[in-house]
Amino acid sequence: GLADAKNRALERLPQAVRDVLAQADLESEHELAIAPLVAATAAVPVKDRGLVLDTLYELRTPLTVITTRRLLAVEPIAQPHLWRYAKSILKRAMLRFDFATFGILAHRIEILRKTESGTVASVKSGYDGDTKKMRIFSKKTQLYMIRALWRYLVRLARHRPLWYAHAAAEVLVHYSPTEEDAPRALSGRYAGLYLFSRIVFGSSVRFKVDHRALRLPFKDSKSAKGPAGVREEAYPGAWDASPDAYLRILSGASLALVHEIGLRGVKAHPEILASAPNATIVAMVGVTHPATVDLGLAELRRRFDPG
């Protein structure tokens, strides 16, 4: 049955993409294998590209999953013919507990929410199969998706606490300083980033949650300054139960605020740094946060064997 499903999926792909897959090692994670498949998929017309991405992700091999992630990070997923398949991939990722793919899409949905208001297009309805005009990625849809993303993380924290930190880390690593807002009145840099703020400030008493607009402004002007030495991230116990998630933050995040969480976690759990793979430590040296770079360099010097 699985073999038949795979064959049907392959039949849905354009010939150019099938040709690349026929010559590729589907278990490969090497750039020489990924680049041709990315190029072939990106060349598919936008109207059909979403189905190709969904199909590649359905095949669930290292090569097809990495290719899907690579393109989801840059494709205009809020547009017609792409959004419905981005939702499909997100649902698959949540069911598979594929936090890397979940993190990419969660971040993109939150960031697109700041600039997109939706597009009206004629698309085929998933209910009756008729073509009708519908608003794609509307404000109502955006609010629903952001709430659903946070609910998923909450369910992980409650029922699979060892996995929560890994999922949260995969979301946090994608935010960059360019996505911060200018502080204004009681709105801080991250007030409009609801998912980010719930992860980073979920245990804080400094914010009030606007459940209608999905914003986290400060309670008052005195709350703008964070208390020293106080952990504010949501579910700190889940983070401590899976401290290796801190390394994912330190090796991939861009925001200084996120690095502070990772550095504090590694300080409390120094054993995870000593047992981290070399590639993770090298990635820490390549980030822009000075304290993380220094920590990575110190660990590399400790590991260096002149013999």
Protein backbone atom coordinates (compact mmCIF):
# COMPACT_ATOMS: atom_id res chain seq x y z
CA GLY A 1 0.00 0.00 0.00
CA LEU A 2 2.80 2.45 0.83
CA ALA A 3 4.55 1.57 -2.44
CA ASP A 4 1.34 2.26 -4.38
CA ALA A 5 0.90 5.59 -2.60
CA LYS A 6 4.48 6.55 -3.46
CA ASN A 7 3.93 5.69 -7.13
CA ARG A 8 0.75 7.77 -7.26
CA ALA A 9 2.63 10.67 -5.69
CA LEU A 10 5.40 10.41 -8.28
CA GLU A 11 2.81 10.44 -11.08
CA ARG A 12 1.54 13.82 -9.85
CA LEU A 13 4.95 15.42 -10.34
CA PRO A 14 5.97 17.24 -13.54
CA GLN A 15 8.25 15.27 -15.81
CA ALA A 16 11.23 17.57 -15.16
CA VAL A 17 11.02 16.95 -11.42
CA ARG A 18 10.54 13.20 -11.92
CA ASP A 19 13.61 13.09 -14.13
CA VAL A 20 15.73 14.65 -11.38
CA LEU A 21 14.35 12.24 -8.79
CA ALA A 22 15.01 9.27 -11.06
CA GLN A 23 18.72 10.11 -11.13
CA ALA A 24 19.05 11.16 -7.49
CA ASP A 25 19.76 9.31 -4.28
CA LEU A 26 16.60 10.01 -2.27
CA GLU A 27 18.44 9.32 0.98
CA SER A 28 21.10 11.94 0.25
CA GLU A 29 21.44 15.18 2.21
CA HIS A 30 24.34 16.46 0.11
CA GLU A 31 24.09 19.82 -1.62
CA LEU A 32 25.02 18.24 -4.97
CA ALA A 33 21.80 16.22 -4.78
CA ILE A 34 19.63 18.98 -3.29
CA ALA A 35 20.49 21.81 -5.71
CA PRO A 36 19.15 20.15 -8.92
CA LEU A 37 15.86 19.22 -7.24
CA VAL A 38 15.45 22.72 -5.81
CA ALA A 39 16.09 24.23 -9.24
CA ALA A 40 13.67 21.88 -11.00
CA THR A 41 10.93 22.54 -8.45
CA ALA A 42 11.44 26.31 -8.49
CA ALA A 43 11.06 26.25 -12.29
CA VAL A 44 7.55 24.77 -12.06
CA PRO A 45 4.83 27.38 -12.72
CA VAL A 46 3.44 28.92 -9.53
CA LYS A 47 0.01 27.44 -10.17
CA ASP A 48 1.44 23.92 -9.89
CA ARG A 49 4.38 24.50 -7.57
CA GLY A 50 2.40 24.13 -4.36
CA LEU A 51 1.22 20.65 -5.31
CA VAL A 52 4.81 19.70 -6.19
CA LEU A 53 6.06 20.85 -2.79
CA ASP A 54 3.29 18.99 -0.98
CA THR A 55 4.02 15.86 -2.99
CA LEU A 56 7.76 16.03 -2.33
CA TYR A 57 7.07 16.37 1.38
CA GLU A 58 4.64 13.46 1.21
CA LEU A 59 7.40 11.23 -0.21
CA ARG A 60 9.24 11.79 3.08
CA THR A 61 12.82 11.05 2.09
CA PRO A 62 15.77 13.15 3.31
CA LEU A 63 16.28 14.65 -0.15
CA THR A 64 12.63 15.59 -0.76
CA VAL A 65 12.05 16.93 2.76
CA ILE A 66 15.16 19.14 2.70
CA THR A 67 14.19 20.44 -0.74
CA THR A 68 10.70 21.28 0.52
CA ARG A 69 12.09 23.13 3.53
CA ARG A 70 14.54 25.07 1.35
CA LEU A 71 11.74 26.36 -0.87
CA LEU A 72 9.18 26.97 1.88
CA ALA A 73 11.62 29.46 3.37
CA VAL A 74 11.48 31.66 0.25
CA GLU A 75 8.24 30.90 -1.61
CA PRO A 76 5.35 33.43 -1.36
CA ILE A 77 3.25 30.92 0.56
CA ALA A 78 0.45 33.43 1.26
CA GLN A 79 -0.43 33.57 -2.44
CA PRO A 80 -3.19 31.59 -4.23
CA HIS A 81 -2.21 28.07 -5.34
CA LEU A 82 0.53 27.99 -2.69
CA TRP A 83 -1.25 28.66 0.60
CA ARG A 84 -3.49 25.57 0.57
CA TYR A 85 -0.46 23.34 0.05
CA ALA A 86 1.59 25.18 2.67
CA LYS A 87 -1.23 24.40 5.12
CA SER A 88 -1.15 20.76 4.05
CA ILE A 89 2.61 20.55 4.64
CA LEU A 90 2.20 22.26 8.03
CA LYS A 91 -0.41 19.70 9.09
CA ARG A 92 1.83 16.84 7.97
CA ALA A 93 4.78 18.35 9.86
CA MET A 94 2.73 18.62 13.04
CA LEU A 95 1.56 15.02 12.76
CA ARG A 96 5.10 13.80 12.05
CA PHE A 97 6.57 15.93 14.85
CA ASP A 98 8.88 17.35 12.19
CA PHE A 99 9.82 20.44 14.15
CA ALA A 100 12.31 21.78 11.58
CA THR A 101 9.58 22.12 8.94
CA PHE A 102 7.08 23.32 11.55
CA GLY A 103 9.47 26.05 12.66
CA ILE A 104 10.02 27.35 9.12
CA LEU A 105 6.30 27.63 8.40
CA ALA A 106 5.38 28.98 11.84
CA HIS A 107 7.89 31.80 11.48
CA ARG A 108 6.84 32.62 7.92
CA ILE A 109 3.14 32.76 8.84
CA GLU A 110 3.85 35.10 11.75
CA ILE A 111 6.03 37.42 9.67
CA LEU A 112 3.70 37.46 6.64
CA ARG A 113 0.87 38.38 8.97
CA LYS A 114 2.51 41.80 9.45
CA THR A 115 2.35 42.71 5.74
CA GLU A 116 -0.32 40.55 4.08
CA SER A 117 -4.05 41.27 4.18
CA GLY A 118 -5.16 38.48 1.86
CA THR A 119 -5.86 38.05 -1.84
CA VAL A 120 -9.13 37.27 -3.61
CA ALA A 121 -8.75 34.52 -6.20
CA SER A 122 -10.84 31.95 -8.05
CA VAL A 123 -9.89 28.57 -6.62
CA LYS A 124 -11.43 25.13 -6.41
CA SER A 125 -13.28 24.58 -3.15
CA GLY A 126 -12.16 21.69 -0.99
CA TYR A 127 -15.75 21.06 0.09
CA ASP A 128 -17.70 20.64 -3.14
CA GLY A 129 -15.01 20.89 -5.84
CA ASP A 130 -16.60 23.96 -7.44
CA THR A 131 -14.49 26.92 -8.48
CA LYS A 132 -15.40 30.06 -6.58
CA LYS A 133 -13.87 33.32 -5.49
CA MET A 134 -12.29 33.13 -2.05
CA ARG A 135 -10.01 35.32 0.04
CA ILE A 136 -6.66 33.62 0.50
CA PHE A 137 -4.67 34.18 3.71
CA SER A 138 -7.21 36.63 5.09
CA LYS A 139 -6.78 38.35 8.44
CA LYS A 140 -9.24 35.89 9.95
CA THR A 141 -7.16 32.99 8.63
CA GLN A 142 -3.98 34.54 9.96
CA LEU A 143 -5.40 34.87 13.47
CA TYR A 144 -6.65 31.30 13.37
CA MET A 145 -3.28 29.97 12.24
CA ILE A 146 -1.27 31.86 14.87
CA ARG A 147 -3.59 30.57 17.61
CA ALA A 148 -3.32 27.03 16.22
CA LEU A 149 0.48 27.19 16.17
CA TRP A 150 0.63 28.23 19.82
CA ARG A 151 -1.96 25.59 20.80
CA TYR A 152 0.24 22.95 19.20
CA LEU A 153 3.22 24.04 21.28
CA VAL A 154 1.08 24.10 24.43
CA ARG A 155 -0.11 20.55 23.75
CA LEU A 156 3.49 19.43 23.33
CA ALA A 157 4.47 21.06 26.62
CA ARG A 158 1.62 19.36 28.44
CA HIS A 159 1.64 15.92 26.86
CA ARG A 160 5.14 15.53 25.34
CA PRO A 161 7.25 17.85 27.50
CA LEU A 162 10.54 16.35 26.30
CA TRP A 163 9.74 17.58 22.79
CA TYR A 164 8.45 21.07 23.55
CA ALA A 165 11.85 22.78 23.78
CA HIS A 166 13.00 21.29 20.48
CA ALA A 167 9.87 22.56 18.70
CA ALA A 168 10.13 25.99 20.33
CA ALA A 169 13.83 26.25 19.44
CA GLU A 170 13.10 25.48 15.79
CA VAL A 171 10.65 28.39 15.75
CA LEU A 172 12.94 30.86 17.53
CA VAL A 173 16.00 30.35 15.33
CA HIS A 174 14.31 31.93 12.30
CA TYR A 175 13.60 35.39 13.74
CA SER A 176 16.03 38.16 12.85
CA PRO A 177 16.68 41.73 14.07
CA THR A 178 15.09 43.12 10.90
CA GLU A 179 11.74 41.75 12.09
CA GLU A 180 11.73 43.72 15.32
CA ASP A 181 9.40 46.71 15.60
CA ALA A 182 10.35 50.13 16.89
CA PRO A 183 9.20 50.43 20.55
CA ARG A 184 6.15 52.68 20.85
CA ALA A 185 4.18 53.53 24.01
CA LEU A 186 3.50 50.16 25.70
CA SER A 187 4.39 48.15 22.60
CA GLY A 188 7.88 46.74 22.75
CA ARG A 189 9.98 45.33 19.93
CA TYR A 190 8.15 42.02 19.97
CA ALA A 191 4.57 43.01 20.85
CA GLY A 192 3.35 42.14 17.35
CA LEU A 193 5.16 38.80 17.25
CA TYR A 194 2.61 36.81 19.22
CA LEU A 195 4.04 33.32 18.77
CA PHE A 196 7.58 34.51 19.47
CA SER A 197 6.46 36.43 22.55
CA ARG A 198 4.46 33.55 24.00
CA ILE A 199 7.54 31.30 23.73
CA VAL A 200 10.03 33.84 25.08
CA PHE A 201 7.85 35.68 27.63
CA GLY A 202 5.22 33.06 28.43
CA SER A 203 6.08 32.98 32.16
CA SER A 204 6.47 36.74 32.52
CA VAL A 205 4.13 38.95 34.52
CA ARG A 206 5.23 42.07 32.64
CA PHE A 207 2.86 41.62 29.69
CA LYS A 208 -0.85 41.54 29.09
CA VAL A 209 -2.12 39.23 26.35
CA ASP A 210 -4.46 40.80 23.81
CA HIS A 211 -6.26 37.61 22.77
CA ARG A 212 -8.33 39.40 20.14
CA ALA A 213 -5.52 41.12 18.19
CA LEU A 214 -2.88 38.59 19.28
CA ARG A 215 -0.43 41.09 20.68
CA LEU A 216 1.62 41.22 23.90
CA PRO A 217 2.05 44.85 25.05
CA PHE A 218 3.53 45.76 28.42
CA LYS A 219 1.16 46.13 31.38
CA ASP A 220 2.63 49.54 32.18
CA SER A 221 5.69 51.67 31.49
CA LYS A 222 7.60 50.21 34.46
CA SER A 223 7.34 46.74 32.90
CA ALA A 224 9.42 47.65 29.84
CA LYS A 225 12.66 46.73 31.58
CA GLY A 226 13.13 43.03 32.19
CA PRO A 227 14.09 41.88 35.69
CA ALA A 228 17.65 40.62 36.06
CA GLY A 229 18.08 36.93 36.69
CA VAL A 230 14.43 36.03 36.16
CA ARG A 231 13.46 33.39 33.61
CA GLU A 232 10.52 34.53 31.51
CA GLU A 233 10.28 31.85 28.84
CA ALA A 234 7.20 29.62 28.77
CA TYR A 235 7.53 26.17 30.31
CA PRO A 236 11.06 26.55 31.73
CA GLY A 237 10.84 23.03 33.18
CA ALA A 238 10.37 21.60 29.68
CA TRP A 239 13.48 23.46 28.51
CA ASP A 240 15.52 22.05 31.38
CA ALA A 241 14.21 18.56 30.64
CA SER A 242 15.66 18.81 27.10
CA PRO A 243 18.68 21.11 27.53
CA ASP A 244 20.24 20.14 24.20
CA ALA A 245 17.59 22.39 22.63
CA TYR A 246 19.66 25.31 23.94
CA LEU A 247 22.41 24.29 21.53
CA ARG A 248 20.02 24.58 18.59
CA ILE A 249 19.39 28.17 19.63
CA LEU A 250 23.06 29.01 20.02
CA SER A 251 24.02 27.44 16.70
CA GLY A 252 21.25 28.98 14.62
CA ALA A 253 19.54 32.01 16.16
CA SER A 254 20.06 35.63 15.12
CA LEU A 255 18.38 37.58 17.91
CA ALA A 256 20.46 38.51 20.96
CA LEU A 257 17.43 37.95 23.20
CA VAL A 258 17.21 34.34 22.04
CA HIS A 259 20.94 33.81 22.53
CA GLU A 260 20.60 35.01 26.12
CA ILE A 261 18.14 32.17 26.76
CA GLY A 262 20.53 29.68 25.18
CA LEU A 263 23.58 30.94 27.06
CA ARG A 264 21.75 30.84 30.38
CA GLY A 265 20.63 27.30 29.63
CA VAL A 266 24.12 26.08 28.73
CA LYS A 267 25.52 27.69 31.88
CA ALA A 268 23.00 25.70 33.91
CA HIS A 269 23.69 22.50 31.95
CA PRO A 270 27.40 22.61 31.00
CA GLU A 271 27.44 18.91 30.18
CA ILE A 272 25.50 19.46 26.94
CA LEU A 273 28.26 21.65 25.53
CA ALA A 274 30.94 19.05 26.29
CA SER A 275 28.95 16.34 24.48
CA ALA A 276 27.81 18.47 21.51
CA PRO A 277 28.85 17.43 17.98
CA ASN A 278 31.75 19.32 16.44
CA ALA A 279 29.46 20.71 13.74
CA THR A 280 27.27 22.36 16.38
CA ILE A 281 30.24 24.06 18.03
CA VAL A 282 31.53 25.27 14.66
CA ALA A 283 28.07 26.71 13.91
CA MET A 284 28.17 28.60 17.22
CA VAL A 285 31.41 30.25 16.13
CA GLY A 286 29.67 31.41 12.95
CA VAL A 287 26.84 33.40 14.59
CA THR A 288 26.85 37.15 15.25
CA HIS A 289 26.40 37.09 19.03
CA PRO A 290 29.83 37.71 20.65
CA ALA A 291 29.19 35.76 23.86
CA THR A 292 28.12 32.68 21.88
CA VAL A 293 31.16 32.95 19.60
CA ASP A 294 33.45 33.15 22.63
CA LEU A 295 31.78 30.11 24.18
CA GLY A 296 32.19 28.14 20.97
CA LEU A 297 35.84 29.12 20.58
CA ALA A 298 36.59 28.12 24.17
CA GLU A 299 35.04 24.71 23.58
CA LEU A 300 36.98 24.24 20.33
CA ARG A 301 40.23 25.06 22.13
CA ARG A 302 39.36 22.56 24.82
CA ARG A 303 38.76 19.86 22.21
CA PHE A 304 41.80 20.61 20.10
CA ASP A 305 44.26 17.72 20.03
CA PRO A 306 47.61 18.72 18.48
CA GLY A 307 48.43 15.03 18.07
